[in-house]
Amino acid sequence: MKAAYTLRLPEELQDKIKEEAKRSKMSINQYILYTLTRDISYREAERALKNRIKQAPSREEALRLLETVVPDVPPLPGDEMLPANG
């Protein structure tokens, strides 16, 4: 089922949407749908992962779940952790 909405956007945002849609080689409608779908999907996945972590039977299992979605890459310069003893 499709629905039509009238959406009032500030002119500056309209211009940015037009620019991004053009860069993405999409219509404005496609770009808005894509952007909303991507954001909603991200939020749903985030909630699902948080729920799975909360329900994990142990800390180790929770960390294992995190490792499945967070890549093991070195930190960016300046983001390194300090040694545990200070």
PDB file of N, CA and C in Angstrom:
ATOM      1  N   MET A   1       0.842  -1.176   0.000  1.00  0.00           N
ATOM      2  CA  MET A   1       0.000   0.000   0.000  1.00  0.00           C
ATOM      3  C   MET A   1       0.888   1.239   0.000  1.00  0.00           C
ATOM      4  N   LYS A   2       0.606   2.149  -0.868  1.00  0.00           N
ATOM      5  CA  LYS A   2       1.359   3.389  -0.957  1.00  0.00           C
ATOM      6  C   LYS A   2       0.536   4.521  -0.375  1.00  0.00           C
ATOM      7  N   ALA A   3       1.252   5.500   0.156  1.00  0.00           N
ATOM      8  CA  ALA A   3       0.606   6.690   0.690  1.00  0.00           C
ATOM      9  C   ALA A   3       1.359   7.903   0.164  1.00  0.00           C
ATOM     10  N   ALA A   4       0.673   8.985   0.041  1.00  0.00           N
ATOM     11  CA  ALA A   4       1.288  10.240  -0.389  1.00  0.00           C
ATOM     12  C   ALA A   4       1.276  11.204   0.788  1.00  0.00           C
ATOM     13  N   TYR A   5       2.408  11.886   0.984  1.00  0.00           N
ATOM     14  CA  TYR A   5       2.528  12.851   2.065  1.00  0.00           C
ATOM     15  C   TYR A   5       3.010  14.176   1.502  1.00  0.00           C
ATOM     16  N   THR A   6       2.483  15.238   2.055  1.00  0.00           N
ATOM     17  CA  THR A   6       3.001  16.561   1.754  1.00  0.00           C
ATOM     18  C   THR A   6       3.996  16.878   2.853  1.00  0.00           C
ATOM     19  N   LEU A   7       5.195  17.200   2.445  1.00  0.00           N
ATOM     20  CA  LEU A   7       6.265  17.428   3.415  1.00  0.00           C
ATOM     21  C   LEU A   7       6.851  18.815   3.202  1.00  0.00           C
ATOM     22  N   ARG A   8       6.838  19.611   4.252  1.00  0.00           N
ATOM     23  CA  ARG A   8       7.412  20.949   4.166  1.00  0.00           C
ATOM     24  C   ARG A   8       8.866  20.865   4.605  1.00  0.00           C
ATOM     25  N   LEU A   9       9.769  21.235   3.710  1.00  0.00           N
ATOM     26  CA  LEU A   9      11.197  21.185   3.997  1.00  0.00           C
ATOM     27  C   LEU A   9      11.797  22.576   3.847  1.00  0.00           C
ATOM     28  N   PRO A  10      12.753  22.914   4.708  1.00  0.00           N
ATOM     29  CA  PRO A  10      13.463  24.179   4.505  1.00  0.00           C
ATOM     30  C   PRO A  10      14.153  24.152   3.139  1.00  0.00           C
ATOM     31  N   GLU A  11      14.234  25.300   2.512  1.00  0.00           N
ATOM     32  CA  GLU A  11      14.806  25.393   1.166  1.00  0.00           C
ATOM     33  C   GLU A  11      16.232  24.842   1.126  1.00  0.00           C
ATOM     34  N   GLU A  12      17.012  25.117   2.158  1.00  0.00           N
ATOM     35  CA  GLU A  12      18.395  24.627   2.208  1.00  0.00           C
ATOM     36  C   GLU A  12      18.439  23.095   2.177  1.00  0.00           C
ATOM     37  N   LEU A  13      17.538  22.459   2.906  1.00  0.00           N
ATOM     38  CA  LEU A  13      17.484  21.001   2.908  1.00  0.00           C
ATOM     39  C   LEU A  13      17.011  20.480   1.553  1.00  0.00           C
ATOM     40  N   GLN A  14      16.058  21.149   0.955  1.00  0.00           N
ATOM     41  CA  GLN A  14      15.602  20.759  -0.385  1.00  0.00           C
ATOM     42  C   GLN A  14      16.767  20.775  -1.369  1.00  0.00           C
ATOM     43  N   ASP A  15      17.568  21.820  -1.296  1.00  0.00           N
ATOM     44  CA  ASP A  15      18.717  21.938  -2.194  1.00  0.00           C
ATOM     45  C   ASP A  15      19.707  20.800  -1.962  1.00  0.00           C
ATOM     46  N   LYS A  16      19.956  20.470  -0.705  1.00  0.00           N
ATOM     47  CA  LYS A  16      20.893  19.390  -0.394  1.00  0.00           C
ATOM     48  C   LYS A  16      20.363  18.044  -0.873  1.00  0.00           C
ATOM     49  N   ILE A  17      19.074  17.825  -0.708  1.00  0.00           N
ATOM     50  CA  ILE A  17      18.459  16.571  -1.177  1.00  0.00           C
ATOM     51  C   ILE A  17      18.586  16.466  -2.695  1.00  0.00           C
ATOM     52  N   LYS A  18      18.315  17.562  -3.387  1.00  0.00           N
ATOM     53  CA  LYS A  18      18.440  17.571  -4.852  1.00  0.00           C
ATOM     54  C   LYS A  18      19.865  17.245  -5.270  1.00  0.00           C
ATOM     55  N   GLU A  19      20.843  17.868  -4.593  1.00  0.00           N
ATOM     56  CA  GLU A  19      22.252  17.631  -4.921  1.00  0.00           C
ATOM     57  C   GLU A  19      22.635  16.171  -4.692  1.00  0.00           C
ATOM     58  N   GLU A  20      22.257  15.637  -3.529  1.00  0.00           N
ATOM     59  CA  GLU A  20      22.609  14.252  -3.205  1.00  0.00           C
ATOM     60  C   GLU A  20      21.916  13.262  -4.140  1.00  0.00           C
ATOM     61  N   ALA A  21      20.681  13.531  -4.475  1.00  0.00           N
ATOM     62  CA  ALA A  21      19.958  12.656  -5.407  1.00  0.00           C
ATOM     63  C   ALA A  21      20.652  12.658  -6.762  1.00  0.00           C
ATOM     64  N   LYS A  22      21.061  13.832  -7.210  1.00  0.00           N
ATOM     65  CA  LYS A  22      21.748  13.937  -8.495  1.00  0.00           C
ATOM     66  C   LYS A  22      23.074  13.182  -8.458  1.00  0.00           C
ATOM     67  N   ARG A  23      23.850  13.366  -7.375  1.00  0.00           N
ATOM     68  CA  ARG A  23      25.119  12.646  -7.229  1.00  0.00           C
ATOM     69  C   ARG A  23      24.912  11.142  -7.217  1.00  0.00           C
ATOM     70  N   SER A  24      23.819  10.720  -6.627  1.00  0.00           N
ATOM     71  CA  SER A  24      23.509   9.286  -6.512  1.00  0.00           C
ATOM     72  C   SER A  24      22.802   8.749  -7.749  1.00  0.00           C
ATOM     73  N   LYS A  25      22.553   9.625  -8.706  1.00  0.00           N
ATOM     74  CA  LYS A  25      21.848   9.255  -9.944  1.00  0.00           C
ATOM     75  C   LYS A  25      20.483   8.630  -9.634  1.00  0.00           C
ATOM     76  N   MET A  26      19.759   9.295  -8.738  1.00  0.00           N
ATOM     77  CA  MET A  26      18.418   8.869  -8.346  1.00  0.00           C
ATOM     78  C   MET A  26      17.478  10.053  -8.483  1.00  0.00           C
ATOM     79  N   SER A  27      16.192   9.736  -8.581  1.00  0.00           N
ATOM     80  CA  SER A  27      15.207  10.810  -8.490  1.00  0.00           C
ATOM     81  C   SER A  27      15.162  11.273  -7.037  1.00  0.00           C
ATOM     82  N   ILE A  28      14.587  12.419  -6.816  1.00  0.00           N
ATOM     83  CA  ILE A  28      14.460  12.923  -5.444  1.00  0.00           C
ATOM     84  C   ILE A  28      13.630  11.950  -4.616  1.00  0.00           C
ATOM     85  N   ASN A  29      12.552  11.436  -5.184  1.00  0.00           N
ATOM     86  CA  ASN A  29      11.705  10.488  -4.466  1.00  0.00           C
ATOM     87  C   ASN A  29      12.495   9.220  -4.106  1.00  0.00           C
ATOM     88  N   GLN A  30      13.235   8.673  -5.068  1.00  0.00           N
ATOM     89  CA  GLN A  30      14.032   7.478  -4.801  1.00  0.00           C
ATOM     90  C   GLN A  30      15.059   7.740  -3.715  1.00  0.00           C
ATOM     91  N   TYR A  31      15.707   8.897  -3.781  1.00  0.00           N
ATOM     92  CA  TYR A  31      16.733   9.228  -2.795  1.00  0.00           C
ATOM     93  C   TYR A  31      16.144   9.331  -1.387  1.00  0.00           C
ATOM     94  N   ILE A  32      15.002   9.996  -1.268  1.00  0.00           N
ATOM     95  CA  ILE A  32      14.363  10.125   0.049  1.00  0.00           C
ATOM     96  C   ILE A  32      13.950   8.748   0.571  1.00  0.00           C
ATOM     97  N   LEU A  33      13.352   7.919  -0.290  1.00  0.00           N
ATOM     98  CA  LEU A  33      12.968   6.566   0.132  1.00  0.00           C
ATOM     99  C   LEU A  33      14.185   5.747   0.555  1.00  0.00           C
ATOM    100  N   TYR A  34      15.243   5.815  -0.243  1.00  0.00           N
ATOM    101  CA  TYR A  34      16.475   5.086   0.066  1.00  0.00           C
ATOM    102  C   TYR A  34      17.038   5.531   1.412  1.00  0.00           C
ATOM    103  N   THR A  35      17.112   6.842   1.623  1.00  0.00           N
ATOM    104  CA  THR A  35      17.688   7.384   2.849  1.00  0.00           C
ATOM    105  C   THR A  35      16.860   7.000   4.075  1.00  0.00           C
ATOM    106  N   LEU A  36      15.544   7.109   3.969  1.00  0.00           N
ATOM    107  CA  LEU A  36      14.684   6.721   5.090  1.00  0.00           C
ATOM    108  C   LEU A  36      14.782   5.226   5.368  1.00  0.00           C
ATOM    109  N   THR A  37      14.771   4.418   4.319  1.00  0.00           N
ATOM    110  CA  THR A  37      14.855   2.965   4.482  1.00  0.00           C
ATOM    111  C   THR A  37      16.174   2.575   5.136  1.00  0.00           C
ATOM    112  N   ARG A  38      17.270   3.173   4.680  1.00  0.00           N
ATOM    113  CA  ARG A  38      18.590   2.876   5.245  1.00  0.00           C
ATOM    114  C   ARG A  38      18.633   3.237   6.729  1.00  0.00           C
ATOM    115  N   ASP A  39      18.120   4.404   7.080  1.00  0.00           N
ATOM    116  CA  ASP A  39      18.142   4.847   8.474  1.00  0.00           C
ATOM    117  C   ASP A  39      17.283   3.950   9.355  1.00  0.00           C
ATOM    118  N   ILE A  40      16.095   3.625   8.890  1.00  0.00           N
ATOM    119  CA  ILE A  40      15.199   2.765   9.671  1.00  0.00           C
ATOM    120  C   ILE A  40      15.810   1.378   9.831  1.00  0.00           C
ATOM    121  N   SER A  41      16.385   0.835   8.763  1.00  0.00           N
ATOM    122  CA  SER A  41      17.024  -0.488   8.828  1.00  0.00           C
ATOM    123  C   SER A  41      18.175  -0.485   9.825  1.00  0.00           C
ATOM    124  N   TYR A  42      18.968   0.560   9.816  1.00  0.00           N
ATOM    125  CA  TYR A  42      20.078   0.685  10.752  1.00  0.00           C
ATOM    126  C   TYR A  42      19.566   0.677  12.194  1.00  0.00           C
ATOM    127  N   ARG A  43      18.537   1.455  12.443  1.00  0.00           N
ATOM    128  CA  ARG A  43      17.995   1.539  13.808  1.00  0.00           C
ATOM    129  C   ARG A  43      17.386   0.206  14.256  1.00  0.00           C
ATOM    130  N   GLU A  44      16.709  -0.483  13.353  1.00  0.00           N
ATOM    131  CA  GLU A  44      16.150  -1.799  13.685  1.00  0.00           C
ATOM    132  C   GLU A  44      17.259  -2.789  14.006  1.00  0.00           C
ATOM    133  N   ALA A  45      18.320  -2.781  13.206  1.00  0.00           N
ATOM    134  CA  ALA A  45      19.450  -3.687  13.444  1.00  0.00           C
ATOM    135  C   ALA A  45      20.133  -3.362  14.767  1.00  0.00           C
ATOM    136  N   GLU A  46      20.275  -2.093  15.064  1.00  0.00           N
ATOM    137  CA  GLU A  46      20.889  -1.669  16.322  1.00  0.00           C
ATOM    138  C   GLU A  46      20.068  -2.160  17.519  1.00  0.00           C
ATOM    139  N   ARG A  47      18.742  -1.988  17.447  1.00  0.00           N
ATOM    140  CA  ARG A  47      17.873  -2.462  18.537  1.00  0.00           C
ATOM    141  C   ARG A  47      17.955  -3.972  18.690  1.00  0.00           C
ATOM    142  N   ALA A  48      17.956  -4.694  17.570  1.00  0.00           N
ATOM    143  CA  ALA A  48      18.027  -6.155  17.623  1.00  0.00           C
ATOM    144  C   ALA A  48      19.337  -6.608  18.258  1.00  0.00           C
ATOM    145  N   LEU A  49      20.448  -5.974  17.884  1.00  0.00           N
ATOM    146  CA  LEU A  49      21.739  -6.342  18.464  1.00  0.00           C
ATOM    147  C   LEU A  49      21.774  -6.034  19.955  1.00  0.00           C
ATOM    148  N   LYS A  50      21.276  -4.872  20.342  1.00  0.00           N
ATOM    149  CA  LYS A  50      21.255  -4.530  21.774  1.00  0.00           C
ATOM    150  C   LYS A  50      20.428  -5.547  22.560  1.00  0.00           C
ATOM    151  N   ASN A  51      19.292  -5.966  22.014  1.00  0.00           N
ATOM    152  CA  ASN A  51      18.466  -6.966  22.695  1.00  0.00           C
ATOM    153  C   ASN A  51      19.190  -8.298  22.817  1.00  0.00           C
ATOM    154  N   ARG A  52      19.878  -8.712  21.738  1.00  0.00           N
ATOM    155  CA  ARG A  52      20.617  -9.973  21.786  1.00  0.00           C
ATOM    156  C   ARG A  52      21.736  -9.908  22.811  1.00  0.00           C
ATOM    157  N   ILE A  53      22.404  -8.747  22.894  1.00  0.00           N
ATOM    158  CA  ILE A  53      23.490  -8.596  23.874  1.00  0.00           C
ATOM    159  C   ILE A  53      22.932  -8.650  25.289  1.00  0.00           C
ATOM    160  N   LYS A  54      21.797  -7.973  25.528  1.00  0.00           N
ATOM    161  CA  LYS A  54      21.176  -8.003  26.861  1.00  0.00           C
ATOM    162  C   LYS A  54      20.795  -9.414  27.270  1.00  0.00           C
ATOM    163  N   GLN A  55      20.381 -10.224  26.286  1.00  0.00           N
ATOM    164  CA  GLN A  55      19.930 -11.582  26.583  1.00  0.00           C
ATOM    165  C   GLN A  55      21.070 -12.599  26.587  1.00  0.00           C
ATOM    166  N   ALA A  56      22.273 -12.162  26.287  1.00  0.00           N
ATOM    167  CA  ALA A  56      23.412 -13.083  26.253  1.00  0.00           C
ATOM    168  C   ALA A  56      23.609 -13.699  27.640  1.00  0.00           C
ATOM    169  N   PRO A  57      23.868 -15.002  27.696  1.00  0.00           N
ATOM    170  CA  PRO A  57      24.011 -15.669  28.989  1.00  0.00           C
ATOM    171  C   PRO A  57      25.277 -15.296  29.748  1.00  0.00           C
ATOM    172  N   SER A  58      26.261 -14.719  29.053  1.00  0.00           N
ATOM    173  CA  SER A  58      27.508 -14.347  29.729  1.00  0.00           C
ATOM    174  C   SER A  58      28.119 -13.128  29.047  1.00  0.00           C
ATOM    175  N   ARG A  59      29.056 -12.543  29.752  1.00  0.00           N
ATOM    176  CA  ARG A  59      29.780 -11.395  29.191  1.00  0.00           C
ATOM    177  C   ARG A  59      30.551 -11.828  27.946  1.00  0.00           C
ATOM    178  N   GLU A  60      31.123 -13.003  27.996  1.00  0.00           N
ATOM    179  CA  GLU A  60      31.904 -13.518  26.867  1.00  0.00           C
ATOM    180  C   GLU A  60      31.020 -13.661  25.621  1.00  0.00           C
ATOM    181  N   GLU A  61      29.809 -14.159  25.819  1.00  0.00           N
ATOM    182  CA  GLU A  61      28.882 -14.313  24.694  1.00  0.00           C
ATOM    183  C   GLU A  61      28.489 -12.940  24.140  1.00  0.00           C
ATOM    184  N   ALA A  62      28.284 -11.969  25.024  1.00  0.00           N
ATOM    185  CA  ALA A  62      27.949 -10.618  24.583  1.00  0.00           C
ATOM    186  C   ALA A  62      29.096 -10.025  23.763  1.00  0.00           C
ATOM    187  N   LEU A  63      30.330 -10.228  24.215  1.00  0.00           N
ATOM    188  CA  LEU A  63      31.487  -9.739  23.479  1.00  0.00           C
ATOM    189  C   LEU A  63      31.625 -10.450  22.136  1.00  0.00           C
ATOM    190  N   ARG A  64      31.323 -11.734  22.094  1.00  0.00           N
ATOM    191  CA  ARG A  64      31.377 -12.481  20.840  1.00  0.00           C
ATOM    192  C   ARG A  64      30.379 -11.905  19.833  1.00  0.00           C
ATOM    193  N   LEU A  65      29.185 -11.570  20.327  1.00  0.00           N
ATOM    194  CA  LEU A  65      28.188 -10.953  19.451  1.00  0.00           C
ATOM    195  C   LEU A  65      28.685  -9.628  18.899  1.00  0.00           C
ATOM    196  N   LEU A  66      29.307  -8.830  19.746  1.00  0.00           N
ATOM    197  CA  LEU A  66      29.846  -7.545  19.286  1.00  0.00           C
ATOM    198  C   LEU A  66      30.921  -7.744  18.228  1.00  0.00           C
ATOM    199  N   GLU A  67      31.748  -8.749  18.415  1.00  0.00           N
ATOM    200  CA  GLU A  67      32.830  -9.011  17.458  1.00  0.00           C
ATOM    201  C   GLU A  67      32.287  -9.376  16.078  1.00  0.00           C
ATOM    202  N   THR A  68      31.066  -9.873  16.010  1.00  0.00           N
ATOM    203  CA  THR A  68      30.505 -10.232  14.712  1.00  0.00           C
ATOM    204  C   THR A  68      30.118  -9.004  13.896  1.00  0.00           C
ATOM    205  N   VAL A  69      29.935  -7.860  14.542  1.00  0.00           N
ATOM    206  CA  VAL A  69      29.528  -6.653  13.811  1.00  0.00           C
ATOM    207  C   VAL A  69      30.557  -5.536  13.838  1.00  0.00           C
ATOM    208  N   VAL A  70      31.504  -5.605  14.752  1.00  0.00           N
ATOM    209  CA  VAL A  70      32.526  -4.571  14.853  1.00  0.00           C
ATOM    210  C   VAL A  70      33.830  -5.145  14.313  1.00  0.00           C
ATOM    211  N   PRO A  71      34.333  -4.602  13.207  1.00  0.00           N
ATOM    212  CA  PRO A  71      35.564  -5.158  12.639  1.00  0.00           C
ATOM    213  C   PRO A  71      36.760  -4.949  13.555  1.00  0.00           C
ATOM    214  N   ASP A  72      37.678  -5.872  13.519  1.00  0.00           N
ATOM    215  CA  ASP A  72      38.891  -5.794  14.322  1.00  0.00           C
ATOM    216  C   ASP A  72      39.950  -5.057  13.512  1.00  0.00           C
ATOM    217  N   VAL A  73      39.928  -3.739  13.614  1.00  0.00           N
ATOM    218  CA  VAL A  73      40.884  -2.907  12.890  1.00  0.00           C
ATOM    219  C   VAL A  73      41.620  -2.028  13.893  1.00  0.00           C
ATOM    220  N   PRO A  74      42.846  -1.648  13.556  1.00  0.00           N
ATOM    221  CA  PRO A  74      43.577  -0.785  14.495  1.00  0.00           C
ATOM    222  C   PRO A  74      42.913   0.575  14.633  1.00  0.00           C
ATOM    223  N   PRO A  75      43.084   1.217  15.787  1.00  0.00           N
ATOM    224  CA  PRO A  75      42.492   2.547  15.972  1.00  0.00           C
ATOM    225  C   PRO A  75      43.178   3.576  15.083  1.00  0.00           C
ATOM    226  N   LEU A  76      42.450   4.635  14.804  1.00  0.00           N
ATOM    227  CA  LEU A  76      43.023   5.752  14.070  1.00  0.00           C
ATOM    228  C   LEU A  76      44.059   6.451  14.946  1.00  0.00           C
ATOM    229  N   PRO A  77      45.037   7.109  14.361  1.00  0.00           N
ATOM    230  CA  PRO A  77      46.019   7.838  15.175  1.00  0.00           C
ATOM    231  C   PRO A  77      45.323   8.795  16.148  1.00  0.00           C
ATOM    232  N   GLY A  78      45.715   8.714  17.401  1.00  0.00           N
ATOM    233  CA  GLY A  78      45.120   9.554  18.435  1.00  0.00           C
ATOM    234  C   GLY A  78      43.968   8.889  19.160  1.00  0.00           C
ATOM    235  N   ASP A  79      43.472   7.757  18.646  1.00  0.00           N
ATOM    236  CA  ASP A  79      42.362   7.047  19.279  1.00  0.00           C
ATOM    237  C   ASP A  79      42.826   5.833  20.083  1.00  0.00           C
ATOM    238  N   GLU A  80      44.131   5.648  20.208  1.00  0.00           N
ATOM    239  CA  GLU A  80      44.640   4.485  20.928  1.00  0.00           C
ATOM    240  C   GLU A  80      44.251   4.562  22.408  1.00  0.00           C
ATOM    241  N   MET A  81      44.051   3.388  23.017  1.00  0.00           N
ATOM    242  CA  MET A  81      43.739   3.331  24.458  1.00  0.00           C
ATOM    243  C   MET A  81      45.042   3.459  25.247  1.00  0.00           C
ATOM    244  N   LEU A  82      44.955   4.110  26.381  1.00  0.00           N
ATOM    245  CA  LEU A  82      46.105   4.209  27.272  1.00  0.00           C
ATOM    246  C   LEU A  82      46.329   2.868  27.955  1.00  0.00           C
ATOM    247  N   PRO A  83      47.549   2.560  28.331  1.00  0.00           N
ATOM    248  CA  PRO A  83      47.786   1.313  29.067  1.00  0.00           C
ATOM    249  C   PRO A  83      46.952   1.281  30.352  1.00  0.00           C
ATOM    250  N   ALA A  84      46.581   0.094  30.810  1.00  0.00           N
ATOM    251  CA  ALA A  84      45.707  -0.065  31.973  1.00  0.00           C
ATOM    252  C   ALA A  84      46.303   0.544  33.230  1.00  0.00           C
ATOM    253  N   ASN A  85      47.613   0.599  33.365  1.00  0.00           N
ATOM    254  CA  ASN A  85      48.213   1.140  34.582  1.00  0.00           C
ATOM    255  C   ASN A  85      48.494   2.641  34.476  1.00  0.00           C
ATOM    256  N   GLY A  86      47.878   3.303  33.518  1.00  0.00           N
ATOM    257  CA  GLY A  86      47.906   4.746  33.480  1.00  0.00           C
ATOM    258  C   GLY A  86      48.809   5.306  32.473  1.00  0.00           C
TER     259      GLY A  86
END
